[in-house]
């Protein structure tokens, strides 16, 4: 998976992406199941919207210097 953060192209490790998706999907499944069992489907949709906004905000606030460090670490690892 490839993302652009602060104008820098960052390639995420496939294994990390897979683990992250499993964690997120597990959380969302839990929220959905709880919402269904309690008759509160709007809470599931609200949670999805909140996660979307929180994720976007978190990505926007990542320091450009951190993206440089991440990129450098990936380049060094790729050269090993």
N, C-alpha and C. Protein backbone atom coordinates (compact mmCIF):
# COMPACT_ATOMS: atom_id res chain seq x y z
N UNK A 1 0.84 -1.17 0.00
CA UNK A 1 0.00 0.00 0.00
C UNK A 1 0.89 1.23 0.00
N UNK A 2 0.47 2.20 -0.78
CA UNK A 2 1.25 3.42 -0.93
C UNK A 2 0.37 4.61 -0.52
N UNK A 3 0.94 5.53 0.29
CA UNK A 3 0.21 6.73 0.68
C UNK A 3 1.09 7.95 0.46
N UNK A 4 0.47 9.10 0.44
CA UNK A 4 1.18 10.36 0.31
C UNK A 4 0.94 11.14 1.59
N UNK A 5 2.00 11.39 2.35
CA UNK A 5 1.90 12.14 3.59
C UNK A 5 2.83 13.33 3.52
N UNK A 6 2.26 14.49 3.71
CA UNK A 6 3.04 15.73 3.70
C UNK A 6 3.90 15.84 2.44
N UNK A 7 3.32 15.42 1.31
CA UNK A 7 4.01 15.53 0.04
C UNK A 7 5.06 14.46 -0.20
N UNK A 8 5.15 13.48 0.69
CA UNK A 8 6.13 12.41 0.54
C UNK A 8 5.41 11.09 0.28
N UNK A 9 5.92 10.34 -0.66
CA UNK A 9 5.37 9.02 -0.99
C UNK A 9 5.93 8.01 0.00
N UNK A 10 5.04 7.31 0.68
CA UNK A 10 5.46 6.31 1.65
C UNK A 10 4.81 4.99 1.28
N UNK A 11 5.64 3.97 1.18
CA UNK A 11 5.15 2.63 0.87
C UNK A 11 5.10 1.86 2.19
N UNK A 12 3.89 1.41 2.52
CA UNK A 12 3.70 0.66 3.76
C UNK A 12 3.95 -0.82 3.52
N UNK A 13 4.51 -1.48 4.52
CA UNK A 13 4.78 -2.91 4.40
C UNK A 13 3.47 -3.68 4.34
N UNK A 14 3.39 -4.61 3.41
CA UNK A 14 2.17 -5.39 3.19
C UNK A 14 1.72 -6.10 4.47
N UNK A 15 2.66 -6.66 5.22
CA UNK A 15 2.32 -7.36 6.45
C UNK A 15 1.71 -6.41 7.48
N UNK A 16 2.28 -5.21 7.60
CA UNK A 16 1.74 -4.21 8.54
C UNK A 16 0.33 -3.80 8.13
N UNK A 17 0.13 -3.62 6.82
CA UNK A 17 -1.19 -3.23 6.32
C UNK A 17 -2.21 -4.32 6.62
N UNK A 18 -1.81 -5.57 6.40
CA UNK A 18 -2.71 -6.70 6.65
C UNK A 18 -3.11 -6.75 8.12
N UNK A 19 -2.15 -6.58 9.00
CA UNK A 19 -2.44 -6.60 10.44
C UNK A 19 -3.34 -5.44 10.83
N UNK A 20 -3.04 -4.25 10.30
CA UNK A 20 -3.85 -3.08 10.62
C UNK A 20 -5.29 -3.25 10.16
N UNK A 21 -5.48 -3.79 8.95
CA UNK A 21 -6.84 -4.02 8.46
C UNK A 21 -7.57 -5.04 9.32
N UNK A 22 -6.88 -6.08 9.76
CA UNK A 22 -7.52 -7.07 10.63
C UNK A 22 -7.97 -6.43 11.93
N UNK A 23 -7.13 -5.58 12.52
CA UNK A 23 -7.49 -4.91 13.77
C UNK A 23 -8.68 -3.98 13.58
N UNK A 24 -8.65 -3.18 12.53
CA UNK A 24 -9.75 -2.24 12.26
C UNK A 24 -11.03 -3.00 11.97
N UNK A 25 -10.94 -4.05 11.15
CA UNK A 25 -12.13 -4.83 10.82
C UNK A 25 -12.70 -5.52 12.04
N UNK A 26 -11.84 -6.00 12.93
CA UNK A 26 -12.30 -6.63 14.17
C UNK A 26 -13.05 -5.62 15.03
N UNK A 27 -12.49 -4.42 15.17
CA UNK A 27 -13.15 -3.37 15.94
C UNK A 27 -14.50 -3.02 15.34
N UNK A 28 -14.53 -2.81 14.02
CA UNK A 28 -15.79 -2.45 13.36
C UNK A 28 -16.82 -3.56 13.47
N UNK A 29 -16.39 -4.79 13.38
CA UNK A 29 -17.31 -5.91 13.52
C UNK A 29 -17.91 -5.93 14.92
N UNK A 30 -17.09 -5.67 15.91
CA UNK A 30 -17.56 -5.63 17.29
C UNK A 30 -18.58 -4.51 17.49
N UNK A 31 -18.27 -3.34 16.96
CA UNK A 31 -19.19 -2.20 17.07
C UNK A 31 -20.50 -2.51 16.34
N UNK A 32 -20.40 -3.08 15.14
CA UNK A 32 -21.60 -3.41 14.36
C UNK A 32 -22.46 -4.43 15.09
N UNK A 33 -21.81 -5.49 15.60
CA UNK A 33 -22.56 -6.53 16.31
C UNK A 33 -23.26 -5.97 17.54
N UNK A 34 -22.56 -5.11 18.26
CA UNK A 34 -23.16 -4.49 19.45
C UNK A 34 -24.31 -3.57 19.06
N UNK A 35 -24.13 -2.81 17.99
CA UNK A 35 -25.19 -1.91 17.53
C UNK A 35 -26.43 -2.70 17.11
N UNK A 36 -26.23 -3.80 16.41
CA UNK A 36 -27.35 -4.64 15.97
C UNK A 36 -28.06 -5.23 17.19
N UNK A 37 -27.30 -5.79 18.12
CA UNK A 37 -27.92 -6.46 19.27
C UNK A 37 -28.67 -5.49 20.19
N UNK A 38 -28.27 -4.23 20.16
CA UNK A 38 -28.94 -3.22 21.00
C UNK A 38 -29.89 -2.33 20.20
N UNK A 39 -30.07 -2.65 18.92
CA UNK A 39 -30.96 -1.85 18.09
C UNK A 39 -30.50 -0.42 17.90
N UNK A 40 -29.18 -0.23 17.80
CA UNK A 40 -28.59 1.11 17.72
C UNK A 40 -27.72 1.28 16.48
N UNK A 41 -28.25 0.93 15.31
CA UNK A 41 -27.47 1.04 14.07
C UNK A 41 -26.94 2.45 13.81
N UNK A 42 -27.65 3.51 14.21
CA UNK A 42 -27.05 4.84 14.02
C UNK A 42 -25.70 4.99 14.73
N UNK A 43 -25.51 4.26 15.84
CA UNK A 43 -24.22 4.34 16.54
C UNK A 43 -23.10 3.75 15.67
N UNK A 44 -23.40 2.69 14.94
CA UNK A 44 -22.40 2.11 14.04
C UNK A 44 -22.01 3.12 12.96
N UNK A 45 -22.98 3.75 12.35
CA UNK A 45 -22.70 4.75 11.32
C UNK A 45 -21.96 5.95 11.90
N UNK A 46 -22.34 6.33 13.12
CA UNK A 46 -21.64 7.44 13.78
C UNK A 46 -20.18 7.07 14.05
N UNK A 47 -19.96 5.82 14.46
CA UNK A 47 -18.58 5.36 14.71
C UNK A 47 -17.76 5.38 13.43
N UNK A 48 -18.34 4.92 12.33
CA UNK A 48 -17.63 4.96 11.04
C UNK A 48 -17.26 6.39 10.67
N UNK A 49 -18.20 7.32 10.82
CA UNK A 49 -17.94 8.72 10.48
C UNK A 49 -16.86 9.30 11.40
N UNK A 50 -16.94 8.99 12.69
CA UNK A 50 -15.95 9.50 13.63
C UNK A 50 -14.56 8.96 13.32
N UNK A 51 -14.47 7.68 12.95
CA UNK A 51 -13.17 7.09 12.59
C UNK A 51 -12.61 7.77 11.34
N UNK A 52 -13.47 8.06 10.39
CA UNK A 52 -13.04 8.71 9.15
C UNK A 52 -12.44 10.09 9.46
N UNK A 53 -13.16 10.87 10.25
CA UNK A 53 -12.70 12.23 10.58
C UNK A 53 -11.44 12.16 11.44
N UNK A 54 -11.43 11.29 12.44
CA UNK A 54 -10.27 11.18 13.32
C UNK A 54 -9.03 10.74 12.55
N UNK A 55 -9.19 9.79 11.63
CA UNK A 55 -8.06 9.32 10.83
C UNK A 55 -7.53 10.42 9.92
N UNK A 56 -8.44 11.13 9.26
CA UNK A 56 -8.02 12.22 8.37
C UNK A 56 -7.28 13.29 9.15
N UNK A 57 -7.80 13.64 10.33
CA UNK A 57 -7.15 14.65 11.15
C UNK A 57 -5.78 14.19 11.63
N UNK A 58 -5.68 12.94 12.02
CA UNK A 58 -4.39 12.42 12.49
C UNK A 58 -3.36 12.44 11.37
N UNK A 59 -3.76 12.06 10.16
CA UNK A 59 -2.83 12.07 9.04
C UNK A 59 -2.39 13.49 8.69
N UNK A 60 -3.30 14.45 8.83
CA UNK A 60 -2.96 15.84 8.53
C UNK A 60 -1.96 16.42 9.52
N UNK A 61 -1.96 15.92 10.74
CA UNK A 61 -1.12 16.51 11.78
C UNK A 61 0.24 15.84 11.92
N UNK A 62 0.50 14.83 11.08
CA UNK A 62 1.82 14.18 11.15
C UNK A 62 2.88 15.16 10.68
N UNK A 63 3.88 15.31 11.50
CA UNK A 63 4.98 16.24 11.25
C UNK A 63 5.73 15.84 9.98
N UNK A 64 5.95 16.80 9.07
CA UNK A 64 6.72 16.48 7.84
C UNK A 64 8.08 15.86 8.14
N UNK A 65 8.70 16.26 9.25
CA UNK A 65 9.99 15.66 9.60
C UNK A 65 9.84 14.17 9.89
N UNK A 66 8.71 13.79 10.46
CA UNK A 66 8.48 12.38 10.73
C UNK A 66 8.35 11.59 9.43
N UNK A 67 7.70 12.18 8.43
CA UNK A 67 7.59 11.48 7.15
C UNK A 67 8.97 11.30 6.51
N UNK A 68 9.85 12.27 6.71
CA UNK A 68 11.22 12.13 6.20
C UNK A 68 11.93 10.97 6.88
N UNK A 69 11.75 10.87 8.19
CA UNK A 69 12.39 9.80 8.96
C UNK A 69 11.86 8.44 8.51
N UNK A 70 10.53 8.35 8.34
CA UNK A 70 9.92 7.09 7.90
C UNK A 70 10.45 6.71 6.51
N UNK A 71 10.48 7.68 5.60
CA UNK A 71 10.97 7.42 4.25
C UNK A 71 12.42 6.94 4.28
N UNK A 72 13.24 7.58 5.09
CA UNK A 72 14.66 7.22 5.21
C UNK A 72 14.81 5.81 5.76
N UNK A 73 14.02 5.48 6.77
CA UNK A 73 14.09 4.14 7.36
C UNK A 73 13.70 3.08 6.32
N UNK A 74 12.69 3.38 5.52
CA UNK A 74 12.26 2.43 4.50
C UNK A 74 13.33 2.27 3.43
N UNK A 75 13.93 3.38 3.03
CA UNK A 75 14.99 3.30 2.02
C UNK A 75 16.17 2.47 2.54
N UNK A 76 16.56 2.72 3.79
CA UNK A 76 17.66 1.97 4.39
C UNK A 76 17.35 0.49 4.45
N UNK A 77 16.10 0.16 4.83
CA UNK A 77 15.70 -1.24 4.94
C UNK A 77 15.69 -1.89 3.56
N UNK A 78 15.22 -1.15 2.54
CA UNK A 78 15.18 -1.68 1.18
C UNK A 78 16.59 -1.94 0.63
N UNK A 79 17.56 -1.17 1.10
CA UNK A 79 18.93 -1.32 0.62
C UNK A 79 19.70 -2.41 1.35
N UNK A 80 19.13 -2.94 2.42
CA UNK A 80 19.80 -4.02 3.17
C UNK A 80 19.67 -5.34 2.48
